[in-house]
């Protein structure tokens, strides 16, 4: 499969990517893992081999650290392609038959679903909804009554306060009238003297 081009015995470190650069030397670069800063990784030459690359070959560093190459698969042959298509078509036909059997099984499951129809969960939900609406109406009615009672008590209190204010005003007027009369009498007695 792969043939060794140059023996250099490079010891690989974890976290680094080893490759053959444009000049044919073994180079390495830090792989982008967690903790590494963003941006291009710096390339460093590990071993100077100056391998001359030929077209149609893939050059790489193997497990032992040597420079190796493997032939690249370029272009497809017509005979193999047509044979593969025929095999694939036959397999697809077999799969379609199996799928039809599965569809028949699914029909049986549909019958079971028909039997399980008419669950009585929906009416219960409707009843629960009606009960909740009725309780809401009752609560709103109670709140309205409480609001009306509170308004009536406020009106009564304001009426009592107004009456008390009027009485206080009347008593003040009486007192001022009495004081005026007493003042006039005192003035009359002074004149007589």
N, C-alpha and C. Protein backbone atom coordinates (compact mmCIF):
# COMPACT_ATOMS: atom_id res chain seq x y z
N UNK A 1 0.84 -1.20 0.00
CA UNK A 1 0.00 0.00 0.00
C UNK A 1 0.88 1.26 0.00
N UNK A 2 1.58 1.50 1.12
CA UNK A 2 2.43 2.69 1.23
C UNK A 2 3.89 2.28 1.20
N UNK A 3 4.72 3.07 0.53
CA UNK A 3 6.16 2.79 0.48
C UNK A 3 6.93 3.92 1.15
N UNK A 4 7.99 3.55 1.90
CA UNK A 4 8.80 4.52 2.61
C UNK A 4 9.74 5.20 1.62
N UNK A 5 9.72 6.55 1.66
CA UNK A 5 10.55 7.33 0.74
C UNK A 5 11.85 7.74 1.43
N UNK A 6 11.73 8.21 2.68
CA UNK A 6 12.93 8.66 3.43
C UNK A 6 12.77 8.27 4.89
N UNK A 7 13.84 7.67 5.44
CA UNK A 7 13.81 7.28 6.86
C UNK A 7 14.40 8.41 7.70
N UNK A 8 13.58 8.92 8.61
CA UNK A 8 14.07 10.00 9.50
C UNK A 8 13.75 9.70 10.97
N UNK A 9 12.79 8.81 11.27
CA UNK A 9 12.47 8.39 12.64
C UNK A 9 12.06 9.54 13.55
N UNK A 10 11.14 10.36 13.08
CA UNK A 10 10.65 11.51 13.88
C UNK A 10 9.76 10.99 14.99
N UNK A 11 10.00 11.46 16.22
CA UNK A 11 9.15 11.08 17.36
C UNK A 11 8.00 12.08 17.46
N UNK A 12 6.79 11.56 17.35
CA UNK A 12 5.61 12.44 17.33
C UNK A 12 5.17 12.79 18.75
N UNK A 13 4.82 14.06 18.92
CA UNK A 13 4.28 14.53 20.21
C UNK A 13 2.77 14.66 20.09
N UNK A 14 2.08 14.43 21.20
CA UNK A 14 0.62 14.55 21.17
C UNK A 14 0.22 16.02 21.07
N UNK A 15 -0.84 16.29 20.31
CA UNK A 15 -1.32 17.66 20.13
C UNK A 15 -0.71 18.37 18.95
N UNK A 16 0.13 17.67 18.18
CA UNK A 16 0.77 18.27 17.00
C UNK A 16 0.42 17.48 15.76
N UNK A 17 0.30 18.19 14.62
CA UNK A 17 0.02 17.57 13.34
C UNK A 17 1.30 17.56 12.51
N UNK A 18 1.70 16.36 12.06
CA UNK A 18 2.94 16.21 11.28
C UNK A 18 2.60 16.03 9.81
N UNK A 19 3.33 16.75 8.93
CA UNK A 19 3.06 16.71 7.49
C UNK A 19 4.35 17.03 6.72
N UNK A 20 4.25 16.86 5.38
CA UNK A 20 5.39 17.18 4.50
C UNK A 20 5.10 18.54 3.87
N UNK A 21 5.97 19.50 4.07
CA UNK A 21 5.74 20.85 3.55
C UNK A 21 6.10 20.96 2.06
N UNK A 22 6.03 22.18 1.49
CA UNK A 22 6.28 22.40 0.06
C UNK A 22 7.72 22.04 -0.34
N UNK A 23 8.64 22.24 0.57
CA UNK A 23 10.06 21.96 0.27
C UNK A 23 10.43 20.48 0.42
N UNK A 24 9.50 19.66 0.90
CA UNK A 24 9.75 18.23 1.07
C UNK A 24 10.33 17.88 2.42
N UNK A 25 10.24 18.79 3.39
CA UNK A 25 10.74 18.54 4.75
C UNK A 25 9.58 18.14 5.67
N UNK A 26 9.92 17.43 6.76
CA UNK A 26 8.90 17.05 7.75
C UNK A 26 8.68 18.25 8.66
N UNK A 27 7.42 18.72 8.72
CA UNK A 27 7.07 19.88 9.55
C UNK A 27 5.93 19.51 10.48
N UNK A 28 5.74 20.31 11.53
CA UNK A 28 4.63 20.07 12.47
C UNK A 28 3.99 21.41 12.83
N UNK A 29 2.72 21.33 13.22
CA UNK A 29 1.96 22.51 13.67
C UNK A 29 1.04 22.08 14.79
N UNK A 30 0.79 23.00 15.72
CA UNK A 30 -0.07 22.69 16.88
C UNK A 30 -1.52 22.58 16.42
N UNK A 31 -2.18 21.50 16.86
CA UNK A 31 -3.58 21.29 16.48
C UNK A 31 -4.48 22.22 17.28
N UNK A 32 -5.60 22.61 16.67
CA UNK A 32 -6.52 23.53 17.34
C UNK A 32 -7.36 22.75 18.34
N UNK A 33 -6.98 22.83 19.58
CA UNK A 33 -7.71 22.18 20.68
C UNK A 33 -8.09 23.23 21.70
N UNK A 34 -8.83 22.83 22.73
CA UNK A 34 -9.25 23.77 23.77
C UNK A 34 -8.04 24.34 24.49
N UNK A 35 -8.05 25.65 24.67
CA UNK A 35 -6.95 26.31 25.37
C UNK A 35 -5.96 26.98 24.45
N UNK A 36 -5.94 26.59 23.14
CA UNK A 36 -5.01 27.22 22.21
C UNK A 36 -5.57 28.54 21.73
N UNK A 37 -4.71 29.54 21.54
CA UNK A 37 -5.13 30.85 21.06
C UNK A 37 -5.60 30.76 19.61
N UNK A 38 -6.53 31.64 19.25
CA UNK A 38 -7.06 31.66 17.89
C UNK A 38 -6.01 32.20 16.93
N UNK A 39 -6.18 31.86 15.64
CA UNK A 39 -5.26 32.30 14.61
C UNK A 39 -4.49 31.13 14.03
N UNK A 40 -3.65 31.42 13.04
CA UNK A 40 -2.87 30.37 12.40
C UNK A 40 -1.78 29.85 13.33
N UNK A 41 -1.63 28.51 13.34
CA UNK A 41 -0.59 27.90 14.17
C UNK A 41 0.77 28.04 13.47
N UNK A 42 1.79 28.22 14.25
CA UNK A 42 3.15 28.37 13.69
C UNK A 42 3.69 27.00 13.26
N UNK A 43 4.23 26.97 12.02
CA UNK A 43 4.81 25.74 11.50
C UNK A 43 6.30 25.72 11.82
N UNK A 44 6.76 24.54 12.19
CA UNK A 44 8.21 24.40 12.48
C UNK A 44 8.72 23.13 11.80
N UNK A 45 9.89 23.22 11.17
CA UNK A 45 10.50 22.08 10.48
C UNK A 45 11.15 21.17 11.52
N UNK A 46 10.77 19.88 11.47
CA UNK A 46 11.29 18.89 12.43
C UNK A 46 12.52 18.18 11.85
N UNK A 47 12.43 17.76 10.59
CA UNK A 47 13.55 17.07 9.94
C UNK A 47 13.65 17.50 8.48
N UNK A 48 14.87 17.81 8.05
CA UNK A 48 15.09 18.22 6.65
C UNK A 48 15.39 16.99 5.81
N UNK A 49 14.41 16.60 5.00
CA UNK A 49 14.56 15.42 4.14
C UNK A 49 14.65 15.80 2.67
N UNK A 50 14.06 16.94 2.29
CA UNK A 50 14.03 17.46 0.92
C UNK A 50 13.58 16.39 -0.08
N UNK A 51 12.42 15.81 0.21
CA UNK A 51 11.84 14.79 -0.67
C UNK A 51 11.22 15.49 -1.88
N UNK A 52 11.49 14.96 -3.06
CA UNK A 52 10.89 15.51 -4.29
C UNK A 52 9.55 14.80 -4.52
N UNK A 53 8.48 15.59 -4.50
CA UNK A 53 7.14 15.02 -4.64
C UNK A 53 6.80 14.78 -6.10
N UNK A 54 6.18 13.61 -6.34
CA UNK A 54 5.70 13.26 -7.68
C UNK A 54 4.18 13.36 -7.69
N UNK A 55 3.64 13.74 -8.85
CA UNK A 55 2.19 13.86 -8.96
C UNK A 55 1.54 12.47 -8.92
N UNK A 56 0.35 12.40 -8.34
CA UNK A 56 -0.38 11.12 -8.23
C UNK A 56 -0.09 10.38 -6.95
N UNK A 57 0.73 10.96 -6.07
CA UNK A 57 1.07 10.31 -4.79
C UNK A 57 0.72 11.22 -3.62
N UNK A 58 0.34 10.61 -2.51
CA UNK A 58 0.05 11.33 -1.28
C UNK A 58 1.21 11.08 -0.31
N UNK A 59 1.88 12.14 0.12
CA UNK A 59 3.03 12.03 1.02
C UNK A 59 2.60 12.32 2.46
N UNK A 60 3.07 11.48 3.41
CA UNK A 60 2.70 11.64 4.82
C UNK A 60 3.78 11.06 5.73
N UNK A 61 3.64 11.31 7.05
CA UNK A 61 4.57 10.76 8.04
C UNK A 61 3.89 9.55 8.66
N UNK A 62 4.49 8.36 8.54
CA UNK A 62 3.87 7.14 9.04
C UNK A 62 4.05 6.97 10.55
N UNK A 63 3.62 5.83 11.07
CA UNK A 63 3.66 5.58 12.53
C UNK A 63 5.08 5.57 13.09
N UNK A 64 6.03 5.11 12.29
CA UNK A 64 7.43 5.03 12.75
C UNK A 64 8.16 6.37 12.63
N UNK A 65 7.50 7.37 12.03
CA UNK A 65 8.12 8.69 11.88
C UNK A 65 8.89 8.85 10.61
N UNK A 66 8.69 7.96 9.65
CA UNK A 66 9.38 8.05 8.35
C UNK A 66 8.45 8.69 7.32
N UNK A 67 9.06 9.25 6.25
CA UNK A 67 8.26 9.84 5.17
C UNK A 67 7.84 8.71 4.23
N UNK A 68 6.51 8.59 4.03
CA UNK A 68 5.97 7.53 3.17
C UNK A 68 5.04 8.15 2.14
N UNK A 69 4.74 7.36 1.10
CA UNK A 69 3.81 7.84 0.09
C UNK A 69 2.88 6.70 -0.32
N UNK A 70 1.67 7.09 -0.78
CA UNK A 70 0.68 6.12 -1.25
C UNK A 70 0.05 6.66 -2.52
N UNK A 71 -0.32 5.76 -3.45
CA UNK A 71 -0.90 6.18 -4.72
C UNK A 71 -2.33 6.67 -4.47
N UNK A 72 -2.63 7.83 -5.08
CA UNK A 72 -3.98 8.39 -4.95
C UNK A 72 -4.90 7.76 -5.99
N UNK A 73 -6.14 7.45 -5.57
CA UNK A 73 -7.12 6.86 -6.47
C UNK A 73 -7.80 7.97 -7.25
N UNK A 74 -7.43 8.07 -8.54
CA UNK A 74 -8.02 9.12 -9.40
C UNK A 74 -8.65 8.48 -10.62
N UNK A 75 -9.89 8.86 -10.88
CA UNK A 75 -10.61 8.32 -12.04
C UNK A 75 -11.22 6.96 -11.72
N UNK A 76 -12.39 6.70 -12.31
CA UNK A 76 -13.08 5.44 -12.07
C UNK A 76 -13.13 4.63 -13.37
N UNK A 77 -13.13 3.31 -13.21
CA UNK A 77 -13.23 2.43 -14.38
C UNK A 77 -14.69 2.15 -14.67
N UNK A 78 -15.06 2.12 -15.96
CA UNK A 78 -16.46 1.97 -16.37
C UNK A 78 -17.01 0.60 -16.04
N UNK A 79 -16.23 -0.44 -16.17
CA UNK A 79 -16.71 -1.81 -15.94
C UNK A 79 -17.13 -2.03 -14.50
N UNK A 80 -16.33 -1.59 -13.58
CA UNK A 80 -16.64 -1.76 -12.15
C UNK A 80 -17.87 -0.96 -11.75
N UNK A 81 -18.00 0.24 -12.32
CA UNK A 81 -19.12 1.12 -11.97
C UNK A 81 -20.45 0.49 -12.37
N UNK A 82 -20.55 -0.05 -13.58
CA UNK A 82 -21.79 -0.65 -14.06
C UNK A 82 -22.13 -1.89 -13.25
N UNK A 83 -21.12 -2.68 -12.87
CA UNK A 83 -21.35 -3.88 -12.08
C UNK A 83 -21.89 -3.52 -10.70
N UNK A 84 -21.35 -2.47 -10.11
CA UNK A 84 -21.81 -2.03 -8.78
C UNK A 84 -23.25 -1.55 -8.83
N UNK A 85 -23.61 -0.86 -9.93
CA UNK A 85 -24.97 -0.37 -10.07
C UNK A 85 -25.97 -1.51 -10.13
N UNK A 86 -25.63 -2.57 -10.85
CA UNK A 86 -26.51 -3.73 -10.97
C UNK A 86 -26.73 -4.38 -9.61
N UNK A 87 -25.66 -4.52 -8.85
CA UNK A 87 -25.76 -5.11 -7.51
C UNK A 87 -26.63 -4.24 -6.61
N UNK A 88 -26.44 -2.93 -6.71
CA UNK A 88 -27.22 -2.00 -5.90
C UNK A 88 -28.70 -2.07 -6.25
N UNK A 89 -29.04 -2.18 -7.55
CA UNK A 89 -30.43 -2.28 -7.97
C UNK A 89 -31.09 -3.52 -7.42
N UNK A 90 -30.40 -4.65 -7.45
CA UNK A 90 -30.95 -5.89 -6.92
C UNK A 90 -31.23 -5.78 -5.44
N UNK A 91 -30.31 -5.18 -4.72
CA UNK A 91 -30.49 -5.01 -3.28
C UNK A 91 -31.67 -4.11 -2.96
N UNK A 92 -31.84 -3.05 -3.77
CA UNK A 92 -32.96 -2.13 -3.56
C UNK A 92 -34.30 -2.83 -3.74
N UNK A 93 -34.42 -3.70 -4.70
CA UNK A 93 -35.65 -4.44 -4.96
C UNK A 93 -35.98 -5.30 -3.75
N UNK A 94 -35.00 -5.95 -3.19
CA UNK A 94 -35.21 -6.79 -2.01
C UNK A 94 -35.69 -5.93 -0.84
N UNK A 95 -35.09 -4.77 -0.68
CA UNK A 95 -35.48 -3.89 0.42
C UNK A 95 -36.91 -3.40 0.26
N UNK A 96 -37.35 -3.13 -0.99
CA UNK A 96 -38.71 -2.67 -1.22
C UNK A 96 -39.73 -3.72 -0.83
N UNK A 97 -39.42 -4.98 -1.09
CA UNK A 97 -40.33 -6.06 -0.69
C UNK A 97 -40.48 -6.13 0.82
N UNK A 98 -39.38 -5.97 1.51
CA UNK A 98 -39.42 -5.98 2.98
C UNK A 98 -40.24 -4.81 3.49
N UNK A 99 -40.12 -3.67 2.82
CA UNK A 99 -40.87 -2.49 3.23
C UNK A 99 -42.37 -2.72 3.08
N UNK A 100 -42.77 -3.42 2.01
CA UNK A 100 -44.19 -3.70 1.81
C UNK A 100 -44.74 -4.55 2.95
N UNK A 101 -43.98 -5.51 3.42
CA UNK A 101 -44.42 -6.34 4.54
C UNK A 101 -44.61 -5.50 5.79
N UNK A 102 -43.70 -4.57 5.99
CA UNK A 102 -43.81 -3.68 7.16
C UNK A 102 -45.06 -2.83 7.10
N UNK A 103 -45.44 -2.39 5.90
CA UNK A 103 -46.64 -1.58 5.72
C UNK A 103 -47.87 -2.40 6.12
N UNK A 104 -47.87 -3.68 5.78
CA UNK A 104 -48.99 -4.55 6.16
C UNK A 104 -49.08 -4.66 7.67
N UNK A 105 -47.96 -4.71 8.36
CA UNK A 105 -47.97 -4.76 9.82
C UNK A 105 -48.53 -3.48 10.41
N UNK A 106 -48.21 -2.36 9.78
CA UNK A 106 -48.70 -1.08 10.26
C UNK A 106 -50.21 -0.98 10.15
N UNK A 107 -50.79 -1.62 9.12
CA UNK A 107 -52.24 -1.62 8.98
C UNK A 107 -52.89 -2.30 10.18
N UNK A 108 -52.28 -3.35 10.67
CA UNK A 108 -52.81 -4.03 11.85
C UNK A 108 -52.79 -3.10 13.07
N UNK A 109 -51.77 -2.31 13.18
CA UNK A 109 -51.72 -1.36 14.30
C UNK A 109 -52.80 -0.30 14.16
N UNK A 110 -53.13 0.10 12.92
CA UNK A 110 -54.20 1.07 12.72
C UNK A 110 -55.53 0.54 13.23
N UNK A 111 -55.80 -0.76 13.06
CA UNK A 111 -57.04 -1.37 13.57
C UNK A 111 -57.11 -1.26 15.07
N UNK A 112 -55.98 -1.45 15.73
CA UNK A 112 -55.94 -1.32 17.19
C UNK A 112 -56.28 0.09 17.62
N UNK A 113 -55.79 1.04 16.87
CA UNK A 113 -56.07 2.44 17.19
C UNK A 113 -57.56 2.73 17.06
N UNK A 114 -58.20 2.12 16.05
CA UNK A 114 -59.64 2.30 15.85
C UNK A 114 -60.41 1.73 17.03
N UNK A 115 -59.95 0.61 17.57
CA UNK A 115 -60.61 0.00 18.73
C UNK A 115 -60.50 0.87 19.97
N UNK A 116 -59.38 1.57 20.09
CA UNK A 116 -59.15 2.39 21.29
C UNK A 116 -59.75 3.78 21.17
N UNK A 117 -60.59 4.01 20.15
CA UNK A 117 -61.21 5.32 19.98
C UNK A 117 -62.28 5.54 21.05
N UNK A 118 -62.77 6.74 21.09
CA UNK A 118 -63.80 7.18 22.04
C UNK A 118 -63.33 7.10 23.48
N UNK A 119 -62.16 7.68 23.79
CA UNK A 119 -61.78 7.78 25.20
C UNK A 119 -62.61 8.87 25.87
N UNK A 120 -63.03 8.62 27.08
CA UNK A 120 -63.90 9.56 27.78
C UNK A 120 -63.13 10.59 28.58
N UNK A 121 -61.96 10.96 28.04
CA UNK A 121 -61.16 11.99 28.71
C UNK A 121 -61.61 13.39 28.31
N UNK A 122 -62.07 13.53 27.08
CA UNK A 122 -62.49 14.85 26.58
C UNK A 122 -63.68 15.41 27.35
N UNK A 123 -64.78 14.61 27.63
CA UNK A 123 -65.89 15.15 28.41
C UNK A 123 -65.48 15.57 29.82
N UNK A 124 -64.55 14.83 30.43
CA UNK A 124 -64.09 15.19 31.78
C UNK A 124 -63.41 16.56 31.75
N UNK A 125 -62.61 16.77 30.70
CA UNK A 125 -61.94 18.06 30.56
C UNK A 125 -62.96 19.19 30.40
N UNK A 126 -64.01 18.90 29.59
CA UNK A 126 -65.05 19.91 29.37
C UNK A 126 -65.76 20.22 30.68
N UNK A 127 -66.08 19.16 31.46
CA UNK A 127 -66.74 19.37 32.75
C UNK A 127 -65.87 20.16 33.70
N UNK A 128 -64.60 19.82 33.70
CA UNK A 128 -63.67 20.55 34.57
C UNK A 128 -63.60 22.01 34.16
N UNK A 129 -63.62 22.27 32.86
CA UNK A 129 -63.60 23.65 32.36
C UNK A 129 -64.86 24.41 32.78
N UNK A 130 -66.01 23.74 32.70
CA UNK A 130 -67.27 24.38 33.11
C UNK A 130 -67.27 24.69 34.59
N UNK A 131 -66.75 23.74 35.39
CA UNK A 131 -66.68 23.96 36.84
C UNK A 131 -65.77 25.14 37.17
N UNK A 132 -64.64 25.21 36.48
CA UNK A 132 -63.71 26.31 36.71
C UNK A 132 -64.36 27.65 36.35
N UNK A 133 -65.13 27.68 35.24
CA UNK A 133 -65.81 28.91 34.84
C UNK A 133 -66.85 29.32 35.87
N UNK A 134 -67.58 28.32 36.40
CA UNK A 134 -68.60 28.61 37.42
C UNK A 134 -67.98 29.16 38.70
N UNK A 135 -66.85 28.56 39.11
CA UNK A 135 -66.18 29.05 40.32
C UNK A 135 -65.65 30.47 40.12
N UNK A 136 -65.15 30.77 38.90
CA UNK A 136 -64.69 32.13 38.61
C UNK A 136 -65.84 33.13 38.71
N UNK A 137 -67.01 32.76 38.17
CA UNK A 137 -68.18 33.64 38.23
C UNK A 137 -68.59 33.90 39.66
N UNK A 138 -68.59 32.84 40.48
CA UNK A 138 -68.95 33.00 41.89
C UNK A 138 -67.99 33.94 42.61
N UNK A 139 -66.70 33.73 42.35
CA UNK A 139 -65.70 34.58 43.00
C UNK A 139 -65.85 36.04 42.60
N UNK A 140 -66.13 36.26 41.29
CA UNK A 140 -66.31 37.65 40.84
C UNK A 140 -67.55 38.28 41.47
N UNK A 141 -68.63 37.46 41.61
CA UNK A 141 -69.85 37.97 42.24
C UNK A 141 -69.59 38.34 43.70
N UNK A 142 -68.85 37.48 44.40
CA UNK A 142 -68.52 37.75 45.81
C UNK A 142 -67.68 39.02 45.92
N UNK A 143 -66.72 39.17 45.01
CA UNK A 143 -65.88 40.38 45.03
C UNK A 143 -66.70 41.64 44.79
N UNK A 144 -67.65 41.55 43.83
CA UNK A 144 -68.50 42.70 43.55
C UNK A 144 -69.33 43.09 44.77
N UNK A 145 -69.92 42.05 45.42
CA UNK A 145 -70.72 42.32 46.62
C UNK A 145 -69.87 42.97 47.70
N UNK A 146 -68.67 42.44 47.90
CA UNK A 146 -67.76 43.00 48.91
C UNK A 146 -67.41 44.44 48.55
N UNK A 147 -67.21 44.72 47.27
CA UNK A 147 -66.91 46.09 46.83
C UNK A 147 -68.07 47.03 47.09
N UNK A 148 -69.29 46.55 46.81
CA UNK A 148 -70.49 47.37 47.05
C UNK A 148 -70.66 47.68 48.54
N UNK A 149 -70.42 46.65 49.38
CA UNK A 149 -70.53 46.84 50.84
C UNK A 149 -69.51 47.86 51.32
N UNK A 150 -68.29 47.73 50.81
CA UNK A 150 -67.23 48.67 51.20
C UNK A 150 -67.59 50.08 50.78
N UNK A 151 -68.17 50.24 49.57
CA UNK A 151 -68.57 51.57 49.11
C UNK A 151 -69.67 52.15 50.00
N UNK A 152 -70.62 51.29 50.40
CA UNK A 152 -71.73 51.74 51.27
C UNK A 152 -71.19 52.19 52.62
N UNK A 153 -70.24 51.43 53.19
CA UNK A 153 -69.68 51.80 54.49
C UNK A 153 -68.92 53.12 54.39
N UNK A 154 -68.22 53.30 53.27
CA UNK A 154 -67.49 54.57 53.07
C UNK A 154 -68.46 55.74 53.01
N UNK A 155 -69.60 55.54 52.28
CA UNK A 155 -70.61 56.61 52.17
C UNK A 155 -71.19 56.95 53.54
N UNK A 156 -71.47 55.90 54.34
CA UNK A 156 -72.03 56.13 55.68
C UNK A 156 -71.05 56.93 56.54
N UNK A 157 -69.80 56.54 56.48
CA UNK A 157 -68.78 57.23 57.29
C UNK A 157 -68.65 58.69 56.87
N UNK A 158 -68.68 58.94 55.56
CA UNK A 158 -68.58 60.33 55.09
C UNK A 158 -69.79 61.15 55.53
N UNK A 159 -70.98 60.50 55.50
CA UNK A 159 -72.20 61.20 55.94
C UNK A 159 -72.11 61.55 57.43
N UNK A 160 -71.64 60.60 58.23
CA UNK A 160 -71.49 60.84 59.68
C UNK A 160 -70.51 61.98 59.93
N UNK A 161 -69.40 61.98 59.17
CA UNK A 161 -68.39 63.03 59.33
C UNK A 161 -68.96 64.41 58.97
N UNK A 162 -69.78 64.44 57.88
CA UNK A 162 -70.38 65.71 57.48
C UNK A 162 -71.33 66.24 58.56
N UNK A 163 -72.15 65.33 59.12
CA UNK A 163 -73.08 65.72 60.19
C UNK A 163 -72.31 66.25 61.39
N UNK A 164 -71.24 65.52 61.76
CA UNK A 164 -70.43 65.95 62.90
C UNK A 164 -69.81 67.32 62.62
N UNK A 165 -69.39 67.55 61.39
CA UNK A 165 -68.80 68.84 61.01
C UNK A 165 -69.83 69.96 61.11
N UNK A 166 -71.07 69.67 60.62
CA UNK A 166 -72.13 70.67 60.70
C UNK A 166 -72.47 71.02 62.16
N UNK A 167 -72.54 69.99 63.02
CA UNK A 167 -72.84 70.22 64.44
C UNK A 167 -71.75 71.06 65.09
N UNK A 168 -70.51 70.73 64.77
CA UNK A 168 -69.38 71.48 65.34
C UNK A 168 -69.44 72.94 64.88
N UNK A 169 -69.81 73.16 63.61
CA UNK A 169 -69.91 74.54 63.09
C UNK A 169 -71.03 75.30 63.81
N UNK A 170 -72.17 74.61 64.05
CA UNK A 170 -73.29 75.26 64.74
C UNK A 170 -72.92 75.64 66.18
N UNK A 171 -72.22 74.73 66.86
CA UNK A 171 -71.81 75.01 68.25
C UNK A 171 -70.84 76.18 68.29
N UNK A 172 -69.93 76.26 67.30
CA UNK A 172 -68.99 77.38 67.23
C UNK A 172 -69.74 78.70 67.05
N UNK A 173 -70.75 78.70 66.16
CA UNK A 173 -71.54 79.91 65.91
C UNK A 173 -72.26 80.37 67.19
N UNK A 174 -72.84 79.38 67.91
CA UNK A 174 -73.54 79.70 69.16
C UNK A 174 -72.57 80.32 70.17
N UNK A 175 -71.39 79.70 70.28
CA UNK A 175 -70.40 80.20 71.24
C UNK A 175 -69.95 81.62 70.88
N UNK A 176 -69.74 81.85 69.60
CA UNK A 176 -69.32 83.19 69.17
C UNK A 176 -70.43 84.20 69.43
N UNK A 177 -71.70 83.78 69.21
CA UNK A 177 -72.84 84.69 69.49
C UNK A 177 -72.92 85.02 70.97
N UNK A 178 -72.74 84.02 71.83
CA UNK A 178 -72.76 84.23 73.29
C UNK A 178 -71.65 85.18 73.70
N UNK A 179 -70.45 84.97 73.10
CA UNK A 179 -69.32 85.83 73.44
C UNK A 179 -69.57 87.29 73.03
N UNK A 180 -70.18 87.44 71.85
CA UNK A 180 -70.50 88.79 71.39
C UNK A 180 -71.49 89.49 72.35
N UNK A 181 -72.53 88.75 72.74
CA UNK A 181 -73.53 89.30 73.67
C UNK A 181 -72.87 89.70 75.00
N UNK A 182 -72.04 88.83 75.49
CA UNK A 182 -71.34 89.11 76.76
C UNK A 182 -70.46 90.35 76.60
N UNK A 183 -69.81 90.48 75.45
CA UNK A 183 -68.96 91.64 75.18
C UNK A 183 -69.77 92.93 75.14
N UNK A 184 -70.96 92.85 74.49
CA UNK A 184 -71.83 94.02 74.40
C UNK A 184 -72.33 94.44 75.80
N UNK A 185 -72.72 93.47 76.61
CA UNK A 185 -73.20 93.76 77.98
C UNK A 185 -72.10 94.43 78.81
N UNK A 186 -70.87 93.88 78.65
CA UNK A 186 -69.74 94.42 79.40
C UNK A 186 -69.47 95.87 78.97
N UNK A 187 -69.61 96.15 77.68
CA UNK A 187 -69.39 97.50 77.18
C UNK A 187 -70.46 98.46 77.72
N UNK A 188 -71.72 97.98 77.78
CA UNK A 188 -72.83 98.81 78.28
C UNK A 188 -72.64 99.14 79.73
N UNK A 189 -72.21 98.20 80.52
CA UNK A 189 -71.99 98.43 81.96
C UNK A 189 -70.86 99.43 82.18
N UNK A 190 -69.83 99.33 81.31
CA UNK A 190 -68.71 100.29 81.41
C UNK A 190 -69.18 101.73 81.13
N UNK A 191 -70.01 101.88 80.13
CA UNK A 191 -70.52 103.22 79.78
C UNK A 191 -71.33 103.81 80.93
N UNK A 192 -72.16 103.01 81.56
CA UNK A 192 -72.99 103.47 82.67
C UNK A 192 -72.13 103.98 83.83
N UNK A 193 -71.08 103.28 84.06
CA UNK A 193 -70.18 103.66 85.14
C UNK A 193 -69.49 104.98 84.83
